[in-house]
Amino acid sequence: MKREEQVRLTKQKLLTAADQLIVKEGYAAVSVERITKLAGVSKGTFYTYFKKKGDLMIALRQHRFAAINDQIPLLVNGDPVEGIRHYLMSYLKVVTDQSTLAMVRSWLRFILDPSNGQIGKFENDRRGIERLLQGLVDHQRLTASTPVATIANLLTVELYGILVAWGVDDQASPEQRLRDYCDVALGSMLAPYLVKKGRPFFIKNNDHQSIKRWNL
């Protein structure tokens, strides 16, 4: 086996082991020793790939969200409101599908602690949304005057706020909160920047009400 493949497999073992333990028990309860034991590698091997446990969390987050960012080239060719909605819902689904409420609370404590080196997580998440918005501008789905950075920041704040709200009050699901936000606010936010092409037409929604759409 080539060294590059061995490196990839070993790193994947560590990520998989960490993911299993952290989802089950929370970040704080899981030690490097337990991760390496489950992965079947030595503790020294762990530090070949990661300087500290927090670095593994960063890599794990990147691994989880890679598939979402891979969707961006497809989403930039469609309706901007629906594309951004899909991206935001996919992001939230990754978190909620792999996490219990206790895990999300642990995650929030972790990223809010400056000593964990996770200050850049918000910026990384914001950049993913910004990349989607910029792609929509480049594909002329949004106008060149679209305040890409500002909207990306607002949407990232909304996502984080929904997760914080879930950690404080679990009576409403985070998915429902995000759907409500998209239904009420997302279209209005993007409306001034939508590029409308062709002649308008009408379709019916599930409630048999006429909704105006545009040929894009």
Protein backbone atom coordinates (compact mmCIF):
# COMPACT_ATOMS: atom_id res chain seq x y z
CA MET A 1 0.00 0.00 0.00
CA LYS A 2 1.34 3.42 -0.94
CA ARG A 3 2.21 5.81 1.88
CA GLU A 4 -0.38 8.36 0.73
CA GLU A 5 -3.14 5.76 0.92
CA GLN A 6 -1.95 4.58 4.34
CA VAL A 7 -1.98 8.15 5.63
CA ARG A 8 -5.51 8.67 4.32
CA LEU A 9 -6.80 5.45 5.87
CA THR A 10 -5.20 6.11 9.25
CA LYS A 11 -6.57 9.62 9.40
CA GLN A 12 -10.00 8.33 8.42
CA LYS A 13 -9.88 5.75 11.23
CA LEU A 14 -9.19 8.52 13.74
CA LEU A 15 -12.00 10.70 12.38
CA THR A 16 -14.49 7.82 12.40
CA ALA A 17 -13.56 6.80 15.95
CA ALA A 18 -13.78 10.37 17.22
CA ASP A 19 -17.11 10.89 15.51
CA GLN A 20 -18.62 7.79 17.10
CA LEU A 21 -17.41 8.63 20.59
CA ILE A 22 -18.22 12.33 20.51
CA VAL A 23 -21.76 11.84 19.15
CA LYS A 24 -22.41 9.29 21.89
CA GLU A 25 -20.74 10.97 24.87
CA GLY A 26 -19.90 14.58 24.00
CA TYR A 27 -16.60 16.27 23.22
CA ALA A 28 -15.47 16.89 26.80
CA ALA A 29 -15.89 13.25 27.85
CA VAL A 30 -13.73 11.81 25.06
CA SER A 31 -9.94 11.60 25.44
CA VAL A 32 -7.28 11.19 22.78
CA GLU A 33 -6.41 7.84 24.34
CA ARG A 34 -9.94 6.53 23.87
CA ILE A 35 -10.05 7.76 20.29
CA THR A 36 -6.80 6.02 19.38
CA LYS A 37 -7.85 2.81 21.17
CA LEU A 38 -11.08 2.62 19.18
CA ALA A 39 -9.24 3.48 15.96
CA GLY A 40 -6.66 0.77 16.63
CA VAL A 41 -3.63 3.06 16.42
CA SER A 42 -1.07 4.29 18.94
CA LYS A 43 -1.43 7.54 20.83
CA GLY A 44 1.76 8.74 19.18
CA THR A 45 0.16 8.21 15.78
CA PHE A 46 -2.61 10.63 16.72
CA TYR A 47 -0.07 13.43 17.21
CA THR A 48 1.44 12.69 13.82
CA TYR A 49 -1.78 14.00 12.28
CA PHE A 50 -3.14 16.40 14.90
CA LYS A 51 -1.40 18.70 17.37
CA LYS A 52 -4.32 18.52 19.81
CA LYS A 53 -7.84 17.19 20.13
CA GLY A 54 -9.28 20.50 18.97
CA ASP A 55 -7.49 20.12 15.61
CA LEU A 56 -9.26 16.80 15.12
CA MET A 57 -12.58 18.54 15.73
CA ILE A 58 -11.76 21.01 12.96
CA ALA A 59 -10.92 18.15 10.59
CA LEU A 60 -14.08 16.32 11.61
CA ARG A 61 -16.20 19.36 10.91
CA GLN A 62 -14.58 19.76 7.48
CA HIS A 63 -15.25 16.10 6.75
CA ARG A 64 -18.90 16.34 7.74
CA PHE A 65 -19.60 19.47 5.73
CA ALA A 66 -17.57 18.60 2.62
CA ALA A 67 -20.59 17.05 0.91
CA ILE A 68 -22.62 20.23 1.47
CA ASN A 69 -20.02 22.44 -0.16
CA ASP A 70 -19.76 19.96 -3.03
CA GLN A 71 -23.37 20.86 -3.89
CA ILE A 72 -22.54 24.51 -4.58
CA PRO A 73 -21.66 24.08 -8.30
CA LEU A 74 -25.14 22.62 -8.84
CA LEU A 75 -27.02 25.14 -6.71
CA VAL A 76 -25.61 28.21 -8.48
CA ASN A 77 -27.49 27.24 -11.66
CA GLY A 78 -30.95 27.25 -10.09
CA ASP A 79 -33.34 29.51 -8.28
CA PRO A 80 -31.34 31.53 -5.70
CA VAL A 81 -33.96 31.39 -2.93
CA GLU A 82 -34.45 27.64 -3.27
CA GLY A 83 -30.71 27.02 -3.63
CA ILE A 84 -29.81 28.94 -0.49
CA ARG A 85 -32.69 27.35 1.40
CA HIS A 86 -31.45 23.90 0.39
CA TYR A 87 -27.89 24.75 1.47
CA LEU A 88 -29.00 26.04 4.88
CA MET A 89 -31.27 23.05 5.50
CA SER A 90 -28.48 20.66 4.49
CA TYR A 91 -26.11 22.36 6.91
CA LEU A 92 -28.58 22.05 9.77
CA LYS A 93 -29.36 18.44 8.89
CA VAL A 94 -25.70 17.46 9.24
CA VAL A 95 -25.68 18.87 12.77
CA THR A 96 -29.03 17.57 13.96
CA ASP A 97 -28.81 14.13 12.33
CA GLN A 98 -25.51 13.34 14.00
CA SER A 99 -26.10 15.04 17.32
CA THR A 100 -28.30 14.80 20.35
CA LEU A 101 -29.41 17.97 22.10
CA ALA A 102 -26.75 17.29 24.75
CA MET A 103 -24.15 17.02 21.99
CA VAL A 104 -25.18 20.35 20.49
CA ARG A 105 -24.94 21.99 23.92
CA SER A 106 -21.46 20.51 24.33
CA TRP A 107 -20.53 21.72 20.84
CA LEU A 108 -21.73 25.25 21.63
CA ARG A 109 -19.63 25.36 24.80
CA PHE A 110 -16.66 24.08 22.84
CA ILE A 111 -16.75 26.62 20.03
CA LEU A 112 -17.41 29.50 22.43
CA ASP A 113 -14.27 28.72 24.45
CA PRO A 114 -11.37 30.73 22.92
CA SER A 115 -8.83 28.22 24.24
CA ASN A 116 -10.19 25.59 21.84
CA GLY A 117 -8.99 27.50 18.80
CA GLN A 118 -12.43 27.39 17.13
CA ILE A 119 -12.84 31.11 16.62
CA GLY A 120 -12.41 30.54 12.88
CA LYS A 121 -15.35 28.13 12.66
CA PHE A 122 -17.89 30.91 12.19
CA GLU A 123 -15.73 32.40 9.46
CA ASN A 124 -15.37 29.05 7.70
CA ASP A 125 -19.13 28.50 7.76
CA ARG A 126 -19.71 32.05 6.54
CA ARG A 127 -17.31 31.51 3.65
CA GLY A 128 -19.28 28.49 2.48
CA ILE A 129 -22.46 30.57 2.23
CA GLU A 130 -20.51 33.43 0.67
CA ARG A 131 -19.15 31.06 -1.98
CA LEU A 132 -22.70 30.03 -2.88
CA LEU A 133 -23.88 33.64 -3.07
CA GLN A 134 -20.90 34.68 -5.20
CA GLY A 135 -21.56 31.73 -7.51
CA LEU A 136 -25.15 32.90 -7.95
CA VAL A 137 -23.83 36.36 -8.84
CA ASP A 138 -21.29 34.92 -11.28
CA HIS A 139 -24.03 32.85 -12.95
CA GLN A 140 -26.23 35.94 -13.16
CA ARG A 141 -28.89 34.60 -10.83
CA LEU A 142 -28.23 37.49 -8.46
CA THR A 143 -27.25 41.00 -9.52
CA ALA A 144 -23.69 42.29 -9.33
CA SER A 145 -24.84 44.75 -6.65
CA THR A 146 -25.71 41.92 -4.24
CA PRO A 147 -24.00 42.56 -0.86
CA VAL A 148 -22.56 39.04 -0.78
CA ALA A 149 -20.47 39.36 2.38
CA THR A 150 -23.25 41.05 4.36
CA ILE A 151 -25.91 38.48 3.42
CA ALA A 152 -23.51 35.60 4.11
CA ASN A 153 -22.83 37.04 7.56
CA LEU A 154 -26.55 37.46 8.32
CA LEU A 155 -27.38 33.91 7.23
CA THR A 156 -24.55 32.42 9.28
CA VAL A 157 -25.67 34.38 12.34
CA GLU A 158 -29.20 33.01 11.78
CA LEU A 159 -27.93 29.41 11.61
CA TYR A 160 -25.90 29.79 14.79
CA GLY A 161 -28.81 31.51 16.50
CA ILE A 162 -31.14 28.63 15.66
CA LEU A 163 -28.69 26.14 17.19
CA VAL A 164 -28.30 28.29 20.31
CA ALA A 165 -32.08 28.57 20.58
CA TRP A 166 -32.37 24.78 20.35
CA GLY A 167 -29.80 24.44 23.12
CA VAL A 168 -31.83 26.77 25.34
CA ASP A 169 -35.34 25.69 24.36
CA ASP A 170 -35.93 22.36 22.64
CA GLN A 171 -39.71 22.72 22.30
CA ALA A 172 -39.46 23.65 18.61
CA SER A 173 -37.19 21.72 16.29
CA PRO A 174 -34.29 23.64 14.69
CA GLU A 175 -35.49 22.45 11.27
CA GLN A 176 -38.88 24.07 11.81
CA ARG A 177 -37.27 27.27 13.01
CA LEU A 178 -35.13 27.38 9.86
CA ARG A 179 -38.11 26.62 7.61
CA ASP A 180 -40.04 29.45 9.27
CA TYR A 181 -37.13 31.82 8.74
CA CYS A 182 -36.78 30.88 5.07
CA ASP A 183 -40.53 31.20 4.48
CA VAL A 184 -40.77 34.61 6.10
CA ALA A 185 -37.43 36.33 5.57
CA LEU A 186 -35.18 34.72 2.97
CA GLY A 187 -37.18 35.67 -0.12
CA SER A 188 -37.59 39.24 1.06
CA MET A 189 -33.88 39.56 1.74
CA LEU A 190 -32.94 38.39 -1.74
CA ALA A 191 -35.80 40.01 -3.68
CA PRO A 192 -33.96 43.27 -4.53
CA TYR A 193 -31.07 41.31 -6.05
CA LEU A 194 -32.84 38.60 -8.06
CA VAL A 195 -32.13 38.63 -11.78
CA LYS A 196 -35.43 38.10 -13.57
CA LYS A 197 -35.19 36.69 -17.07
CA GLY A 198 -37.82 35.86 -19.62
CA ARG A 199 -41.57 36.22 -19.20
CA PRO A 200 -43.29 35.50 -15.90
CA PHE A 201 -45.52 32.47 -15.54
CA PHE A 202 -47.68 31.01 -12.80
CA ILE A 203 -47.58 27.67 -11.02
CA LYS A 204 -49.73 26.21 -8.29
CA ASN A 205 -48.44 25.36 -4.85
CA ASN A 206 -49.84 22.65 -2.60
CA ASP A 207 -52.56 24.98 -1.39
CA HIS A 208 -53.71 25.65 -4.98
CA GLN A 209 -52.79 29.30 -4.74
CA SER A 210 -51.21 31.09 -7.67
CA ILE A 211 -47.56 31.96 -7.15
CA LYS A 212 -45.66 34.14 -9.58
CA ARG A 213 -42.40 32.65 -10.83
CA TRP A 214 -39.88 33.76 -13.41
CA ASN A 215 -38.17 31.88 -16.21
CA LEU A 216 -34.52 31.81 -15.15
